[in-house]
Amino acid sequence: MSNGFRLKLDLLEEKIVVAVDKMTRYKGKVAAYYNRRVLTCNRSWKDWKARASWEGPYIIRRVVGPVTYELETLEGRQVSRSRNACHLRKYYV
């Protein structure tokens, strides 16, 4: 091998070492930035609340708009707020 080639090879190895060092420092900075902003959840399994994902059944009392409905309970009491059709599901009796 010629001296010029060995010199280039040594410079390449040095550049690789510098790049790895830069990458390591950058990853450390990114991890520190993330860890400063991450929110921890200090709850136990007893703190979580399980509830049904739907309410009802309701009866459609009046069609307010093309996708908006006023509802009432099975006892005939009106529900306080109207609902959008995307939040309603057909209830099979």
C-alpha atoms as a PDB file:
ATOM      1  CA  MET A   1       0.000   0.000   0.000  1.00  0.00           C
ATOM      2  CA  SER A   2       1.150   3.502  -0.696  1.00  0.00           C
ATOM      3  CA  ASN A   3       1.618   6.152   1.954  1.00  0.00           C
ATOM      4  CA  GLY A   4      -1.135   8.306   0.437  1.00  0.00           C
ATOM      5  CA  PHE A   5      -3.614   5.450   0.699  1.00  0.00           C
ATOM      6  CA  ARG A   6      -2.659   4.731   4.329  1.00  0.00           C
ATOM      7  CA  LEU A   7      -3.027   8.425   5.174  1.00  0.00           C
ATOM      8  CA  LYS A   8      -6.505   8.513   3.634  1.00  0.00           C
ATOM      9  CA  LEU A   9      -7.423   5.342   5.517  1.00  0.00           C
ATOM     10  CA  ASP A  10      -6.254   6.859   8.818  1.00  0.00           C
ATOM     11  CA  LEU A  11      -8.215  10.047   8.119  1.00  0.00           C
ATOM     12  CA  LEU A  12     -11.295   7.985   7.310  1.00  0.00           C
ATOM     13  CA  GLU A  13     -11.027   6.091  10.592  1.00  0.00           C
ATOM     14  CA  GLU A  14     -10.657   9.382  12.452  1.00  0.00           C
ATOM     15  CA  LYS A  15     -13.744  10.789  10.716  1.00  0.00           C
ATOM     16  CA  ILE A  16     -15.702   7.684  11.703  1.00  0.00           C
ATOM     17  CA  VAL A  17     -14.674   8.107  15.351  1.00  0.00           C
ATOM     18  CA  VAL A  18     -15.720  11.787  15.272  1.00  0.00           C
ATOM     19  CA  ALA A  19     -19.058  10.906  13.640  1.00  0.00           C
ATOM     20  CA  VAL A  20     -19.809   8.198  16.221  1.00  0.00           C
ATOM     21  CA  ASP A  21     -18.957  10.643  19.016  1.00  0.00           C
ATOM     22  CA  LYS A  22     -21.269  13.299  17.516  1.00  0.00           C
ATOM     23  CA  MET A  23     -24.050  10.757  17.108  1.00  0.00           C
ATOM     24  CA  THR A  24     -23.702   9.607  20.726  1.00  0.00           C
ATOM     25  CA  ARG A  25     -23.858  13.190  22.030  1.00  0.00           C
ATOM     26  CA  TYR A  26     -26.885  13.936  19.816  1.00  0.00           C
ATOM     27  CA  LYS A  27     -28.754  10.852  21.041  1.00  0.00           C
ATOM     28  CA  GLY A  28     -28.036  11.901  24.619  1.00  0.00           C
ATOM     29  CA  LYS A  29     -29.437  15.383  23.967  1.00  0.00           C
ATOM     30  CA  VAL A  30     -32.570  13.962  22.338  1.00  0.00           C
ATOM     31  CA  ALA A  31     -33.122  11.579  25.254  1.00  0.00           C
ATOM     32  CA  ALA A  32     -32.662  14.396  27.788  1.00  0.00           C
ATOM     33  CA  TYR A  33     -35.119  16.612  25.879  1.00  0.00           C
ATOM     34  CA  TYR A  34     -37.694  13.820  25.786  1.00  0.00           C
ATOM     35  CA  ASN A  35     -37.238  12.921  29.453  1.00  0.00           C
ATOM     36  CA  ARG A  36     -37.760  16.545  30.515  1.00  0.00           C
ATOM     37  CA  ARG A  37     -41.156  16.655  28.796  1.00  0.00           C
ATOM     38  CA  VAL A  38     -42.546  13.181  29.278  1.00  0.00           C
ATOM     39  CA  LEU A  39     -45.439  12.926  31.733  1.00  0.00           C
ATOM     40  CA  THR A  40     -45.437  10.118  34.228  1.00  0.00           C
ATOM     41  CA  CYS A  41     -48.618   8.385  35.233  1.00  0.00           C
ATOM     42  CA  ASN A  42     -48.553   7.665  38.953  1.00  0.00           C
ATOM     43  CA  ARG A  43     -51.743   5.658  39.228  1.00  0.00           C
ATOM     44  CA  SER A  44     -52.429   2.186  40.446  1.00  0.00           C
ATOM     45  CA  TRP A  45     -54.889  -0.222  38.879  1.00  0.00           C
ATOM     46  CA  LYS A  46     -57.508   0.749  41.488  1.00  0.00           C
ATOM     47  CA  ASP A  47     -57.568   4.353  40.240  1.00  0.00           C
ATOM     48  CA  TRP A  48     -58.877   3.530  36.784  1.00  0.00           C
ATOM     49  CA  LYS A  49     -62.588   3.693  36.180  1.00  0.00           C
ATOM     50  CA  ALA A  50     -64.355   1.201  33.967  1.00  0.00           C
ATOM     51  CA  ARG A  51     -67.637   2.298  32.454  1.00  0.00           C
ATOM     52  CA  ALA A  52     -69.826   1.331  29.552  1.00  0.00           C
ATOM     53  CA  SER A  53     -68.860   2.851  26.222  1.00  0.00           C
ATOM     54  CA  TRP A  54     -72.474   3.643  25.334  1.00  0.00           C
ATOM     55  CA  GLU A  55     -75.660   4.931  26.954  1.00  0.00           C
ATOM     56  CA  GLY A  56     -79.225   4.087  26.246  1.00  0.00           C
ATOM     57  CA  PRO A  57     -81.292   2.757  24.695  1.00  0.00           C
ATOM     58  CA  TYR A  58     -83.038   5.940  23.543  1.00  0.00           C
ATOM     59  CA  ILE A  59     -85.900   6.664  21.185  1.00  0.00           C
ATOM     60  CA  ILE A  60     -85.596   9.343  18.511  1.00  0.00           C
ATOM     61  CA  ARG A  61     -87.993  12.097  19.557  1.00  0.00           C
ATOM     62  CA  ARG A  62     -87.423  14.545  16.687  1.00  0.00           C
ATOM     63  CA  VAL A  63     -85.122  14.973  13.687  1.00  0.00           C
ATOM     64  CA  VAL A  64     -83.495  18.389  14.130  1.00  0.00           C
ATOM     65  CA  GLY A  65     -81.234  18.386  11.081  1.00  0.00           C
ATOM     66  CA  PRO A  66     -79.937  15.967   8.464  1.00  0.00           C
ATOM     67  CA  VAL A  67     -77.705  14.217  11.032  1.00  0.00           C
ATOM     68  CA  THR A  68     -78.941  15.691  14.347  1.00  0.00           C
ATOM     69  CA  TYR A  69     -81.548  14.072  16.587  1.00  0.00           C
ATOM     70  CA  GLU A  70     -83.351  14.840  19.829  1.00  0.00           C
ATOM     71  CA  LEU A  71     -83.692  11.731  21.968  1.00  0.00           C
ATOM     72  CA  GLU A  72     -85.901  10.526  24.801  1.00  0.00           C
ATOM     73  CA  THR A  73     -85.597   7.692  27.291  1.00  0.00           C
ATOM     74  CA  LEU A  74     -87.871   4.664  27.258  1.00  0.00           C
ATOM     75  CA  GLU A  75     -89.870   6.343  30.061  1.00  0.00           C
ATOM     76  CA  GLY A  76     -90.543   9.372  27.816  1.00  0.00           C
ATOM     77  CA  ARG A  77     -88.148  11.867  29.449  1.00  0.00           C
ATOM     78  CA  GLN A  78     -86.330  14.075  26.950  1.00  0.00           C
ATOM     79  CA  VAL A  79     -82.522  13.852  26.906  1.00  0.00           C
ATOM     80  CA  SER A  80     -81.004  17.274  27.618  1.00  0.00           C
ATOM     81  CA  ARG A  81     -78.817  17.569  24.506  1.00  0.00           C
ATOM     82  CA  SER A  82     -79.325  16.623  20.879  1.00  0.00           C
ATOM     83  CA  ARG A  83     -76.979  14.030  19.379  1.00  0.00           C
ATOM     84  CA  ASN A  84     -75.169  13.697  16.067  1.00  0.00           C
ATOM     85  CA  ALA A  85     -75.839  10.576  14.005  1.00  0.00           C
ATOM     86  CA  CYS A  86     -72.174   9.547  14.140  1.00  0.00           C
ATOM     87  CA  HIS A  87     -72.593   8.995  17.908  1.00  0.00           C
ATOM     88  CA  LEU A  88     -75.723   6.843  17.580  1.00  0.00           C
ATOM     89  CA  ARG A  89     -75.944   3.093  16.987  1.00  0.00           C
ATOM     90  CA  LYS A  90     -78.977   1.032  16.195  1.00  0.00           C
ATOM     91  CA  TYR A  91     -80.266  -0.835  19.243  1.00  0.00           C
ATOM     92  CA  TYR A  92     -81.714  -4.270  18.493  1.00  0.00           C
ATOM     93  CA  VAL A  93     -84.414  -5.401  20.903  1.00  0.00           C
END
